[in-house]
Amino acid sequence: MKLLNSFGPNPRIVRMFLAEKGITLARQDFDLMAGENRKPPYTDQNPAGTTPALELDDGRVIGETIAICEYLEERHPTPVLVGSNAEARAEHRMWQRRVELNITELMFHGFRFAEGYELFKNRVHCVPEAAPGLKVGAQKWLAKLDGLMAGKPFITGDDFRLVDIALYCTLDFVKDLGQPIPAELKNINAWFARVDGRPSAQSSLSPGWEQVKMRG
């Protein structure tokens, strides 16, 4: 297998997942800042033009972050990062979907339509006037999650999971780009520090992130 990789929070989710699993994959890097992922030959493999993607041994390509991680979980079930049985996997997917729909996607679009507008305006349909509302919506659900995490070290409970990786990489990316983590969210801040202290959090950062001033 080969990881079709680039700078960015979504590729970082997969890199952090791989580090937690102890999996080493061959990588082919694409220049996201220059838009290399939005044209052939990359789009010949992943028509969505998003990164990352995973090229399988038979040449097929999986092109969505969570789909990639779940596939790798099935191939490498330990350590468990999704769930060890049907009930645990269903519960994890419930939380993953809640976080994705109500926090991370809103944050990403809030960035693309505002601070990242110049980078994305010719790549995706941007609605700049929507950015403030998207950011507010994400913060409201982040505050809700803060309450739901009372007494829990991680989002689903006692165990570190893929949803923790996904939310961490998103927050670490946007927190210095117009969407800081509110100091009053004590549970979220404690959780963030807990995840930030894991070796995979630092090893998953792209080389050169300091030059672009974005943690991806």
N, C-alpha and C. Protein backbone atom coordinates (compact mmCIF):
# COMPACT_ATOMS: atom_id res chain seq x y z
N MET A 1 0.84 -1.19 0.00
CA MET A 1 0.00 0.00 0.00
C MET A 1 0.87 1.25 0.00
N LYS A 2 0.28 2.36 -0.43
CA LYS A 2 1.00 3.63 -0.47
C LYS A 2 0.06 4.75 -0.07
N LEU A 3 0.53 5.63 0.82
CA LEU A 3 -0.24 6.79 1.23
C LEU A 3 0.05 7.96 0.30
N LEU A 4 -0.99 8.47 -0.33
CA LEU A 4 -0.86 9.67 -1.15
C LEU A 4 -1.07 10.84 -0.21
N ASN A 5 0.01 11.52 0.11
CA ASN A 5 0.11 12.38 1.27
C ASN A 5 0.32 13.84 0.89
N SER A 6 0.00 14.73 1.82
CA SER A 6 0.27 16.16 1.62
C SER A 6 0.27 16.84 2.98
N PHE A 7 0.57 18.12 2.98
CA PHE A 7 0.33 18.96 4.15
C PHE A 7 -1.18 19.05 4.38
N GLY A 8 -1.58 19.25 5.63
CA GLY A 8 -2.99 19.51 5.91
C GLY A 8 -3.50 18.70 7.09
N PRO A 9 -4.58 19.15 7.70
CA PRO A 9 -5.12 18.45 8.87
C PRO A 9 -5.67 17.06 8.58
N ASN A 10 -6.28 16.87 7.42
CA ASN A 10 -6.81 15.53 7.11
C ASN A 10 -5.70 14.52 6.87
N PRO A 11 -4.68 14.82 6.07
CA PRO A 11 -3.55 13.89 5.99
C PRO A 11 -2.90 13.65 7.35
N ARG A 12 -2.87 14.69 8.18
CA ARG A 12 -2.29 14.50 9.51
C ARG A 12 -3.09 13.50 10.33
N ILE A 13 -4.41 13.50 10.21
CA ILE A 13 -5.23 12.52 10.92
C ILE A 13 -4.76 11.11 10.58
N VAL A 14 -4.56 10.84 9.30
CA VAL A 14 -4.12 9.51 8.90
C VAL A 14 -2.71 9.24 9.38
N ARG A 15 -1.82 10.22 9.29
CA ARG A 15 -0.44 10.00 9.78
C ARG A 15 -0.43 9.73 11.28
N MET A 16 -1.26 10.44 12.03
CA MET A 16 -1.31 10.21 13.48
C MET A 16 -1.90 8.84 13.78
N PHE A 17 -2.92 8.45 13.03
CA PHE A 17 -3.52 7.12 13.16
C PHE A 17 -2.48 6.04 12.88
N LEU A 18 -1.71 6.21 11.81
CA LEU A 18 -0.66 5.24 11.47
C LEU A 18 0.38 5.16 12.58
N ALA A 19 0.76 6.31 13.13
CA ALA A 19 1.75 6.32 14.21
C ALA A 19 1.23 5.58 15.44
N GLU A 20 -0.03 5.79 15.78
CA GLU A 20 -0.62 5.11 16.93
C GLU A 20 -0.69 3.60 16.68
N LYS A 21 -0.91 3.21 15.45
CA LYS A 21 -0.98 1.79 15.09
C LYS A 21 0.41 1.15 14.96
N GLY A 22 1.43 1.98 14.78
CA GLY A 22 2.76 1.44 14.51
C GLY A 22 2.91 0.91 13.11
N ILE A 23 2.15 1.50 12.17
CA ILE A 23 2.18 1.07 10.76
C ILE A 23 3.06 2.03 9.97
N THR A 24 3.93 1.47 9.16
CA THR A 24 4.75 2.26 8.26
C THR A 24 4.32 1.98 6.82
N LEU A 25 3.97 3.03 6.08
CA LEU A 25 3.58 2.88 4.68
C LEU A 25 4.48 3.72 3.79
N ALA A 26 4.68 3.25 2.56
CA ALA A 26 5.33 4.09 1.56
C ALA A 26 4.45 5.32 1.34
N ARG A 27 5.08 6.46 1.04
CA ARG A 27 4.33 7.70 0.84
C ARG A 27 4.74 8.37 -0.46
N GLN A 28 3.77 8.98 -1.09
CA GLN A 28 4.02 9.85 -2.23
C GLN A 28 3.44 11.21 -1.87
N ASP A 29 4.27 12.22 -1.84
CA ASP A 29 3.84 13.54 -1.40
C ASP A 29 3.39 14.39 -2.57
N PHE A 30 2.30 15.15 -2.33
CA PHE A 30 1.77 16.09 -3.31
C PHE A 30 1.73 17.48 -2.67
N ASP A 31 2.00 18.48 -3.48
CA ASP A 31 2.08 19.86 -2.99
C ASP A 31 0.68 20.46 -2.93
N LEU A 32 0.05 20.39 -1.77
CA LEU A 32 -1.30 20.93 -1.61
C LEU A 32 -1.32 22.44 -1.76
N MET A 33 -0.31 23.12 -1.26
CA MET A 33 -0.29 24.58 -1.32
C MET A 33 -0.27 25.07 -2.77
N ALA A 34 0.35 24.29 -3.65
CA ALA A 34 0.41 24.64 -5.07
C ALA A 34 -0.76 24.05 -5.86
N GLY A 35 -1.63 23.30 -5.20
CA GLY A 35 -2.79 22.74 -5.87
C GLY A 35 -2.51 21.50 -6.69
N GLU A 36 -1.39 20.82 -6.41
CA GLU A 36 -1.03 19.64 -7.19
C GLU A 36 -2.09 18.54 -7.06
N ASN A 37 -2.81 18.53 -5.95
CA ASN A 37 -3.83 17.52 -5.72
C ASN A 37 -5.13 17.80 -6.47
N ARG A 38 -5.23 18.94 -7.12
CA ARG A 38 -6.46 19.31 -7.83
C ARG A 38 -6.38 19.09 -9.34
N LYS A 39 -5.34 18.40 -9.78
CA LYS A 39 -5.18 18.17 -11.22
C LYS A 39 -4.51 16.82 -11.45
N PRO A 40 -4.54 16.31 -12.70
CA PRO A 40 -3.86 15.06 -12.99
C PRO A 40 -2.35 15.20 -12.72
N PRO A 41 -1.68 14.14 -12.35
CA PRO A 41 -2.17 12.75 -12.29
C PRO A 41 -2.91 12.40 -10.99
N TYR A 42 -2.89 13.33 -10.00
CA TYR A 42 -3.54 12.98 -8.73
C TYR A 42 -5.03 12.72 -8.91
N THR A 43 -5.72 13.58 -9.65
CA THR A 43 -7.16 13.41 -9.81
C THR A 43 -7.52 12.20 -10.68
N ASP A 44 -6.55 11.66 -11.40
CA ASP A 44 -6.80 10.40 -12.11
C ASP A 44 -7.01 9.27 -11.10
N GLN A 45 -6.36 9.38 -9.95
CA GLN A 45 -6.50 8.37 -8.91
C GLN A 45 -7.61 8.69 -7.91
N ASN A 46 -7.74 9.97 -7.59
CA ASN A 46 -8.77 10.42 -6.65
C ASN A 46 -9.49 11.61 -7.25
N PRO A 47 -10.59 11.37 -7.96
CA PRO A 47 -11.30 12.45 -8.67
C PRO A 47 -11.78 13.57 -7.76
N ALA A 48 -11.95 13.31 -6.47
CA ALA A 48 -12.38 14.36 -5.55
C ALA A 48 -11.31 15.42 -5.36
N GLY A 49 -10.06 15.05 -5.62
CA GLY A 49 -8.97 16.03 -5.49
C GLY A 49 -8.61 16.36 -4.06
N THR A 50 -9.09 15.57 -3.12
CA THR A 50 -8.78 15.80 -1.71
C THR A 50 -7.64 14.90 -1.27
N THR A 51 -6.96 15.32 -0.23
CA THR A 51 -5.91 14.49 0.36
C THR A 51 -6.27 14.22 1.81
N PRO A 52 -5.85 13.03 2.30
CA PRO A 52 -5.00 12.03 1.67
C PRO A 52 -5.82 11.03 0.86
N ALA A 53 -5.11 10.08 0.27
CA ALA A 53 -5.74 8.91 -0.35
C ALA A 53 -4.82 7.73 -0.09
N LEU A 54 -5.39 6.55 -0.18
CA LEU A 54 -4.62 5.34 0.07
C LEU A 54 -4.68 4.45 -1.16
N GLU A 55 -3.54 4.19 -1.76
CA GLU A 55 -3.45 3.28 -2.90
C GLU A 55 -3.22 1.87 -2.39
N LEU A 56 -4.15 0.97 -2.71
CA LEU A 56 -4.05 -0.40 -2.24
C LEU A 56 -3.11 -1.22 -3.12
N ASP A 57 -2.82 -2.42 -2.64
CA ASP A 57 -1.90 -3.29 -3.37
C ASP A 57 -2.38 -3.62 -4.78
N ASP A 58 -3.72 -3.66 -4.96
CA ASP A 58 -4.26 -4.00 -6.27
C ASP A 58 -4.50 -2.78 -7.16
N GLY A 59 -4.08 -1.60 -6.69
CA GLY A 59 -4.20 -0.39 -7.49
C GLY A 59 -5.43 0.45 -7.19
N ARG A 60 -6.40 -0.12 -6.48
CA ARG A 60 -7.57 0.68 -6.10
C ARG A 60 -7.16 1.78 -5.13
N VAL A 61 -7.94 2.86 -5.14
CA VAL A 61 -7.61 4.01 -4.30
C VAL A 61 -8.81 4.36 -3.41
N ILE A 62 -8.54 4.48 -2.10
CA ILE A 62 -9.54 4.94 -1.14
C ILE A 62 -9.22 6.40 -0.85
N GLY A 63 -10.24 7.27 -0.98
CA GLY A 63 -9.95 8.69 -0.93
C GLY A 63 -10.62 9.51 0.15
N GLU A 64 -11.05 8.94 1.24
CA GLU A 64 -11.63 9.72 2.33
C GLU A 64 -10.94 9.34 3.64
N THR A 65 -10.65 10.36 4.44
CA THR A 65 -9.83 10.18 5.64
C THR A 65 -10.36 9.08 6.57
N ILE A 66 -11.62 9.17 6.97
CA ILE A 66 -12.16 8.20 7.92
C ILE A 66 -12.26 6.82 7.29
N ALA A 67 -12.61 6.75 6.01
CA ALA A 67 -12.66 5.46 5.31
C ALA A 67 -11.28 4.80 5.29
N ILE A 68 -10.25 5.61 5.08
CA ILE A 68 -8.88 5.09 5.09
C ILE A 68 -8.55 4.49 6.45
N CYS A 69 -8.85 5.25 7.50
CA CYS A 69 -8.52 4.79 8.85
C CYS A 69 -9.31 3.54 9.22
N GLU A 70 -10.58 3.48 8.85
CA GLU A 70 -11.37 2.30 9.18
C GLU A 70 -10.87 1.07 8.41
N TYR A 71 -10.45 1.28 7.17
CA TYR A 71 -9.87 0.17 6.41
C TYR A 71 -8.60 -0.34 7.09
N LEU A 72 -7.75 0.58 7.51
CA LEU A 72 -6.51 0.18 8.18
C LEU A 72 -6.79 -0.50 9.51
N GLU A 73 -7.84 -0.08 10.20
CA GLU A 73 -8.23 -0.75 11.44
C GLU A 73 -8.61 -2.21 11.18
N GLU A 74 -9.32 -2.44 10.08
CA GLU A 74 -9.70 -3.82 9.76
C GLU A 74 -8.49 -4.66 9.40
N ARG A 75 -7.53 -4.06 8.72
CA ARG A 75 -6.31 -4.79 8.36
C ARG A 75 -5.37 -4.97 9.55
N HIS A 76 -5.40 -4.00 10.47
CA HIS A 76 -4.50 -4.01 11.63
C HIS A 76 -5.35 -3.70 12.87
N PRO A 77 -6.05 -4.68 13.42
CA PRO A 77 -7.04 -4.42 14.47
C PRO A 77 -6.49 -4.00 15.83
N THR A 78 -5.19 -4.16 16.06
CA THR A 78 -4.63 -3.73 17.34
C THR A 78 -3.45 -2.78 17.10
N PRO A 79 -3.29 -1.79 17.98
CA PRO A 79 -4.20 -1.41 19.07
C PRO A 79 -5.52 -0.89 18.52
N VAL A 80 -6.58 -1.08 19.28
CA VAL A 80 -7.92 -0.71 18.83
C VAL A 80 -8.07 0.81 18.82
N LEU A 81 -8.49 1.36 17.68
CA LEU A 81 -8.74 2.80 17.57
C LEU A 81 -10.14 3.13 17.06
N VAL A 82 -10.90 2.10 16.69
CA VAL A 82 -12.31 2.29 16.31
C VAL A 82 -13.20 1.52 17.27
N GLY A 83 -12.99 0.22 17.39
CA GLY A 83 -13.78 -0.58 18.30
C GLY A 83 -13.47 -2.05 18.11
N SER A 84 -13.54 -2.81 19.22
CA SER A 84 -13.19 -4.22 19.15
C SER A 84 -14.38 -5.13 18.91
N ASN A 85 -15.60 -4.58 18.92
CA ASN A 85 -16.79 -5.37 18.62
C ASN A 85 -17.82 -4.46 17.96
N ALA A 86 -18.93 -5.05 17.53
CA ALA A 86 -19.93 -4.29 16.77
C ALA A 86 -20.49 -3.13 17.56
N GLU A 87 -20.73 -3.34 18.85
CA GLU A 87 -21.30 -2.28 19.68
C GLU A 87 -20.32 -1.13 19.85
N ALA A 88 -19.07 -1.45 20.11
CA ALA A 88 -18.06 -0.40 20.30
C ALA A 88 -17.82 0.37 19.01
N ARG A 89 -17.82 -0.33 17.87
CA ARG A 89 -17.63 0.35 16.59
C ARG A 89 -18.82 1.26 16.29
N ALA A 90 -20.03 0.80 16.60
CA ALA A 90 -21.22 1.63 16.36
C ALA A 90 -21.19 2.87 17.23
N GLU A 91 -20.80 2.72 18.49
CA GLU A 91 -20.72 3.87 19.39
C GLU A 91 -19.67 4.86 18.91
N HIS A 92 -18.54 4.33 18.47
CA HIS A 92 -17.49 5.22 17.96
C HIS A 92 -17.97 5.97 16.74
N ARG A 93 -18.61 5.28 15.81
CA ARG A 93 -19.09 5.93 14.59
C ARG A 93 -20.15 6.98 14.90
N MET A 94 -20.94 6.75 15.92
CA MET A 94 -21.91 7.75 16.37
C MET A 94 -21.19 9.04 16.78
N TRP A 95 -20.17 8.90 17.61
CA TRP A 95 -19.44 10.08 18.06
C TRP A 95 -18.65 10.72 16.92
N GLN A 96 -18.07 9.89 16.05
CA GLN A 96 -17.34 10.42 14.90
C GLN A 96 -18.25 11.28 14.03
N ARG A 97 -19.46 10.79 13.80
CA ARG A 97 -20.40 11.53 12.94
C ARG A 97 -20.86 12.81 13.62
N ARG A 98 -21.13 12.75 14.91
CA ARG A 98 -21.54 13.95 15.64
C ARG A 98 -20.45 15.02 15.58
N VAL A 99 -19.22 14.62 15.82
CA VAL A 99 -18.11 15.57 15.80
C VAL A 99 -17.90 16.12 14.39
N GLU A 100 -17.98 15.25 13.41
CA GLU A 100 -17.77 15.64 12.01
C GLU A 100 -18.83 16.63 11.53
N LEU A 101 -20.10 16.29 11.75
CA LEU A 101 -21.20 17.11 11.25
C LEU A 101 -21.32 18.44 11.98
N ASN A 102 -21.04 18.45 13.28
CA ASN A 102 -21.33 19.61 14.10
C ASN A 102 -20.13 20.47 14.47
N ILE A 103 -18.91 19.93 14.29
CA ILE A 103 -17.72 20.69 14.69
C ILE A 103 -16.70 20.77 13.56
N THR A 104 -16.12 19.66 13.17
CA THR A 104 -14.95 19.73 12.29
C THR A 104 -15.29 20.25 10.89
N GLU A 105 -16.39 19.79 10.29
CA GLU A 105 -16.72 20.29 8.96
C GLU A 105 -17.04 21.78 8.99
N LEU A 106 -17.71 22.23 10.04
CA LEU A 106 -18.01 23.66 10.18
C LEU A 106 -16.73 24.46 10.33
N MET A 107 -15.79 23.93 11.10
CA MET A 107 -14.52 24.63 11.29
C MET A 107 -13.73 24.71 10.00
N PHE A 108 -13.68 23.59 9.27
CA PHE A 108 -12.93 23.59 8.00
C PHE A 108 -13.53 24.58 7.01
N HIS A 109 -14.86 24.58 6.87
CA HIS A 109 -15.48 25.52 5.95
C HIS A 109 -15.33 26.95 6.44
N GLY A 110 -15.41 27.15 7.75
CA GLY A 110 -15.17 28.49 8.30
C GLY A 110 -13.80 29.02 7.93
N PHE A 111 -12.81 28.13 7.95
CA PHE A 111 -11.46 28.51 7.54
C PHE A 111 -11.38 28.75 6.03
N ARG A 112 -11.92 27.83 5.25
CA ARG A 112 -11.83 27.96 3.79
C ARG A 112 -12.52 29.23 3.29
N PHE A 113 -13.60 29.62 3.93
CA PHE A 113 -14.36 30.78 3.47
C PHE A 113 -13.84 32.10 4.03
N ALA A 114 -12.86 32.05 4.92
CA ALA A 114 -12.35 33.27 5.55
C ALA A 114 -10.82 33.32 5.45
N GLU A 115 -10.13 32.85 6.48
CA GLU A 115 -8.66 32.93 6.49
C GLU A 115 -8.03 32.20 5.32
N GLY A 116 -8.65 31.12 4.87
CA GLY A 116 -8.09 30.35 3.76
C GLY A 116 -8.69 30.66 2.40
N TYR A 117 -9.45 31.75 2.32
CA TYR A 117 -10.18 32.05 1.09
C TYR A 117 -9.28 32.17 -0.13
N GLU A 118 -8.17 32.87 -0.02
CA GLU A 118 -7.29 33.06 -1.18
C GLU A 118 -6.73 31.73 -1.69
N LEU A 119 -6.53 30.79 -0.77
CA LEU A 119 -6.01 29.48 -1.16
C LEU A 119 -7.09 28.62 -1.81
N PHE A 120 -8.34 28.77 -1.35
CA PHE A 120 -9.39 27.85 -1.77
C PHE A 120 -10.38 28.42 -2.78
N LYS A 121 -10.34 29.71 -3.05
CA LYS A 121 -11.39 30.33 -3.86
C LYS A 121 -11.53 29.73 -5.25
N ASN A 122 -10.45 29.22 -5.82
CA ASN A 122 -10.52 28.61 -7.15
C ASN A 122 -10.50 27.08 -7.10
N ARG A 123 -10.63 26.54 -5.88
CA ARG A 123 -10.57 25.08 -5.72
C ARG A 123 -11.91 24.49 -5.33
N VAL A 124 -12.65 25.18 -4.46
CA VAL A 124 -13.96 24.72 -4.01
C VAL A 124 -14.91 25.91 -4.03
N HIS A 125 -16.21 25.62 -4.01
CA HIS A 125 -17.20 26.70 -3.95
C HIS A 125 -17.14 27.35 -2.57
N CYS A 126 -16.77 28.61 -2.51
CA CYS A 126 -16.61 29.32 -1.25
C CYS A 126 -17.76 30.31 -1.05
N VAL A 127 -18.21 30.42 0.19
CA VAL A 127 -19.28 31.34 0.55
C VAL A 127 -18.77 32.19 1.72
N PRO A 128 -18.02 33.24 1.44
CA PRO A 128 -17.39 34.02 2.52
C PRO A 128 -18.36 34.52 3.57
N GLU A 129 -19.57 34.90 3.14
CA GLU A 129 -20.52 35.44 4.11
C GLU A 129 -21.01 34.38 5.10
N ALA A 130 -20.78 33.12 4.80
CA ALA A 130 -21.20 32.04 5.71
C ALA A 130 -20.18 31.77 6.81
N ALA A 131 -18.96 32.24 6.65
CA ALA A 131 -17.89 31.89 7.58
C ALA A 131 -18.21 32.21 9.03
N PRO A 132 -18.68 33.43 9.36
CA PRO A 132 -18.95 33.72 10.78
C PRO A 132 -19.97 32.77 11.40
N GLY A 133 -21.04 32.47 10.69
CA GLY A 133 -22.06 31.57 11.22
C GLY A 133 -21.54 30.15 11.41
N LEU A 134 -20.71 29.69 10.47
CA LEU A 134 -20.13 28.36 10.60
C LEU A 134 -19.25 28.26 11.84
N LYS A 135 -18.46 29.30 12.07
CA LYS A 135 -17.58 29.30 13.24
C LYS A 135 -18.37 29.32 14.54
N VAL A 136 -19.43 30.11 14.56
CA VAL A 136 -20.29 30.16 15.76
C VAL A 136 -20.93 28.80 16.01
N GLY A 137 -21.43 28.18 14.95
CA GLY A 137 -22.06 26.87 15.09
C GLY A 137 -21.09 25.83 15.64
N ALA A 138 -19.87 25.84 15.14
CA ALA A 138 -18.86 24.89 15.63
C ALA A 138 -18.56 25.12 17.10
N GLN A 139 -18.44 26.39 17.49
CA GLN A 139 -18.13 26.69 18.89
C GLN A 139 -19.27 26.29 19.82
N LYS A 140 -20.50 26.44 19.36
CA LYS A 140 -21.64 26.03 20.20
C LYS A 140 -21.60 24.53 20.47
N TRP A 141 -21.29 23.75 19.44
CA TRP A 141 -21.26 22.30 19.65
C TRP A 141 -20.02 21.89 20.43
N LEU A 142 -18.91 22.62 20.26
CA LEU A 142 -17.72 22.33 21.04
C LEU A 142 -18.01 22.55 22.53
N ALA A 143 -18.77 23.60 22.84
CA ALA A 143 -19.17 23.85 24.23
C ALA A 143 -20.09 22.73 24.73
N LYS A 144 -20.97 22.25 23.87
CA LYS A 144 -21.83 21.13 24.25
C LYS A 144 -21.00 19.89 24.54
N LEU A 145 -20.02 19.62 23.68
CA LEU A 145 -19.15 18.47 23.88
C LEU A 145 -18.36 18.61 25.18
N ASP A 146 -17.97 19.83 25.52
CA ASP A 146 -17.26 20.08 26.77
C ASP A 146 -18.07 19.55 27.95
N GLY A 147 -19.36 19.83 27.96
CA GLY A 147 -20.22 19.33 29.03
C GLY A 147 -20.36 17.82 29.00
N LEU A 148 -20.47 17.25 27.81
CA LEU A 148 -20.64 15.81 27.68
C LEU A 148 -19.39 15.04 28.08
N MET A 149 -18.24 15.71 28.08
CA MET A 149 -16.98 15.04 28.41
C MET A 149 -16.63 15.10 29.89
N ALA A 150 -17.48 15.66 30.70
CA ALA A 150 -17.21 15.72 32.14
C ALA A 150 -16.93 14.32 32.69
N GLY A 151 -15.78 14.16 33.32
CA GLY A 151 -15.43 12.88 33.92
C GLY A 151 -14.89 11.85 32.94
N LYS A 152 -14.72 12.24 31.66
CA LYS A 152 -14.22 11.30 30.66
C LYS A 152 -12.86 11.78 30.13
N PRO A 153 -11.86 10.92 30.09
CA PRO A 153 -10.57 11.33 29.53
C PRO A 153 -10.58 11.51 28.02
N PHE A 154 -11.46 10.76 27.34
CA PHE A 154 -11.52 10.84 25.89
C PHE A 154 -12.98 10.92 25.44
N ILE A 155 -13.20 11.18 24.17
CA ILE A 155 -14.54 11.50 23.70
C ILE A 155 -15.53 10.37 23.91
N THR A 156 -15.12 9.13 23.63
CA THR A 156 -16.04 8.01 23.79
C THR A 156 -16.01 7.40 25.19
N GLY A 157 -15.10 7.87 26.03
CA GLY A 157 -15.01 7.32 27.37
C GLY A 157 -13.57 7.19 27.84
N ASP A 158 -13.19 5.98 28.26
CA ASP A 158 -11.87 5.78 28.85
C ASP A 158 -10.77 5.56 27.84
N ASP A 159 -11.12 5.26 26.59
CA ASP A 159 -10.12 4.84 25.62
C ASP A 159 -9.92 5.86 24.50
N PHE A 160 -8.67 6.03 24.11
CA PHE A 160 -8.28 6.91 23.00
C PHE A 160 -8.71 6.28 21.69
N ARG A 161 -9.37 7.07 20.84
CA ARG A 161 -9.95 6.54 19.62
C ARG A 161 -9.71 7.48 18.43
N LEU A 162 -10.07 7.00 17.25
CA LEU A 162 -9.94 7.77 16.01
C LEU A 162 -10.64 9.12 16.11
N VAL A 163 -11.80 9.19 16.73
CA VAL A 163 -12.52 10.46 16.84
C VAL A 163 -11.70 11.48 17.62
N ASP A 164 -10.92 11.03 18.60
CA ASP A 164 -10.03 11.94 19.32
C ASP A 164 -8.96 12.50 18.39
N ILE A 165 -8.41 11.64 17.54
CA ILE A 165 -7.40 12.08 16.58
C ILE A 165 -7.99 13.11 15.63
N ALA A 166 -9.19 12.81 15.11
CA ALA A 166 -9.81 13.70 14.12
C ALA A 166 -10.11 15.08 14.70
N LEU A 167 -10.68 15.13 15.91
CA LEU A 167 -10.98 16.42 16.50
C LEU A 167 -9.71 17.14 16.91
N TYR A 168 -8.74 16.42 17.45
CA TYR A 168 -7.49 17.06 17.85
C TYR A 168 -6.79 17.73 16.66
N CYS A 169 -6.65 17.00 15.55
CA CYS A 169 -5.95 17.55 14.39
C CYS A 169 -6.69 18.77 13.83
N THR A 170 -8.02 18.75 13.89
CA THR A 170 -8.80 19.90 13.44
C THR A 170 -8.59 21.10 14.34
N LEU A 171 -8.73 20.91 15.65
CA LEU A 171 -8.57 22.02 16.59
C LEU A 171 -7.15 22.57 16.55
N ASP A 172 -6.16 21.69 16.43
CA ASP A 172 -4.77 22.15 16.40
C ASP A 172 -4.50 22.98 15.15
N PHE A 173 -5.22 22.68 14.07
CA PHE A 173 -5.07 23.43 12.83
C PHE A 173 -5.74 24.80 12.92
N VAL A 174 -6.98 24.85 13.41
CA VAL A 174 -7.74 26.11 13.35
C VAL A 174 -7.52 27.03 14.54
N LYS A 175 -6.94 26.52 15.62
CA LYS A 175 -6.87 27.33 16.85
C LYS A 175 -6.04 28.59 16.69
N ASP A 176 -5.11 28.59 15.76
CA ASP A 176 -4.31 29.80 15.50
C ASP A 176 -4.74 30.50 14.21
N LEU A 177 -5.88 30.07 13.67
CA LEU A 177 -6.38 30.60 12.40
C LEU A 177 -7.81 31.11 12.54
N GLY A 178 -8.03 31.86 13.61
CA GLY A 178 -9.33 32.50 13.79
C GLY A 178 -10.36 31.72 14.56
N GLN A 179 -10.00 30.51 15.04
CA GLN A 179 -10.95 29.68 15.78
C GLN A 179 -10.28 29.08 17.02
N PRO A 180 -9.92 29.93 17.99
CA PRO A 180 -9.24 29.42 19.19
C PRO A 180 -10.17 28.58 20.06
N ILE A 181 -9.56 27.76 20.91
CA ILE A 181 -10.33 26.97 21.87
C ILE A 181 -10.63 27.88 23.06
N PRO A 182 -11.89 28.12 23.38
CA PRO A 182 -12.22 29.01 24.50
C PRO A 182 -11.64 28.48 25.82
N ALA A 183 -11.04 29.39 26.58
CA ALA A 183 -10.40 28.99 27.84
C ALA A 183 -11.39 28.40 28.83
N GLU A 184 -12.66 28.83 28.73
CA GLU A 184 -13.65 28.34 29.70
C GLU A 184 -14.08 26.89 29.47
N LEU A 185 -13.68 26.31 28.35
CA LEU A 185 -14.02 24.91 28.07
C LEU A 185 -12.97 24.02 28.75
N LYS A 186 -13.12 23.85 30.04
CA LYS A 186 -12.11 23.18 30.86
C LYS A 186 -11.90 21.73 30.44
N ASN A 187 -12.98 21.02 30.16
CA ASN A 187 -12.84 19.61 29.78
C ASN A 187 -12.17 19.45 28.42
N ILE A 188 -12.54 20.30 27.47
CA ILE A 188 -11.93 20.24 26.14
C ILE A 188 -10.45 20.61 26.22
N ASN A 189 -10.11 21.63 26.98
CA ASN A 189 -8.71 22.02 27.10
C ASN A 189 -7.87 20.94 27.77
N ALA A 190 -8.42 20.30 28.80
CA ALA A 190 -7.69 19.21 29.46
C ALA A 190 -7.52 18.03 28.51
N TRP A 191 -8.58 17.72 27.76
CA TRP A 191 -8.50 16.64 26.76
C TRP A 191 -7.47 16.98 25.68
N PHE A 192 -7.49 18.24 25.20
CA PHE A 192 -6.56 18.64 24.16
C PHE A 192 -5.12 18.47 24.63
N ALA A 193 -4.83 18.91 25.85
CA ALA A 193 -3.48 18.77 26.40
C ALA A 193 -3.08 17.30 26.52
N ARG A 194 -4.05 16.47 26.88
CA ARG A 194 -3.80 15.03 27.01
C ARG A 194 -3.41 14.43 25.67
N VAL A 195 -4.14 14.77 24.62
CA VAL A 195 -3.84 14.24 23.29
C VAL A 195 -2.56 14.87 22.74
N ASP A 196 -2.38 16.14 22.98
CA ASP A 196 -1.20 16.86 22.49
C ASP A 196 0.10 16.27 23.05
N GLY A 197 0.01 15.64 24.21
CA GLY A 197 1.19 15.05 24.82
C GLY A 197 1.57 13.69 24.27
N ARG A 198 0.76 13.12 23.40
CA ARG A 198 1.09 11.83 22.83
C ARG A 198 2.18 11.99 21.77
N PRO A 199 3.15 11.09 21.70
CA PRO A 199 4.21 11.22 20.70
C PRO A 199 3.69 11.36 19.28
N SER A 200 2.58 10.69 18.96
CA SER A 200 2.04 10.73 17.60
C SER A 200 1.57 12.12 17.21
N ALA A 201 1.20 12.95 18.20
CA ALA A 201 0.72 14.29 17.90
C ALA A 201 1.82 15.14 17.26
N GLN A 202 3.03 14.96 17.73
CA GLN A 202 4.14 15.74 17.17
C GLN A 202 4.75 15.09 15.93
N SER A 203 4.86 13.77 15.94
CA SER A 203 5.48 13.10 14.80
C SER A 203 4.62 13.18 13.55
N SER A 204 3.33 13.45 13.69
CA SER A 204 2.42 13.50 12.54
C SER A 204 2.41 14.84 11.82
N LEU A 205 3.03 15.86 12.41
CA LEU A 205 3.08 17.18 11.74
C LEU A 205 3.92 17.10 10.47
N SER A 206 3.49 17.82 9.44
CA SER A 206 4.24 17.85 8.19
C SER A 206 5.55 18.61 8.36
N PRO A 207 6.61 18.13 7.74
CA PRO A 207 7.83 18.93 7.72
C PRO A 207 7.55 20.28 7.06
N GLY A 208 8.06 21.33 7.64
CA GLY A 208 7.86 22.65 7.06
C GLY A 208 6.60 23.35 7.51
N TRP A 209 5.87 22.76 8.47
CA TRP A 209 4.62 23.43 8.91
C TRP A 209 4.90 24.81 9.50
N GLU A 210 6.07 24.96 10.11
CA GLU A 210 6.40 26.27 10.70
C GLU A 210 6.56 27.34 9.63
N GLN A 211 7.04 26.94 8.45
CA GLN A 211 7.21 27.91 7.38
C GLN A 211 5.87 28.42 6.86
N VAL A 212 4.89 27.55 6.78
CA VAL A 212 3.56 27.96 6.29
C VAL A 212 2.68 28.50 7.42
N LYS A 213 3.19 28.37 8.66
CA LYS A 213 2.48 28.91 9.85
C LYS A 213 1.09 28.29 10.03
N MET A 214 1.00 27.00 9.71
CA MET A 214 -0.23 26.25 9.92
C MET A 214 0.15 24.84 10.37
N ARG A 215 -0.53 24.35 11.38
CA ARG A 215 -0.20 23.04 11.96
C ARG A 215 -1.00 21.95 11.25
N GLY A 216 -0.41 21.42 10.19
CA GLY A 216 -1.07 20.39 9.41
C GLY A 216 -0.13 19.28 9.03
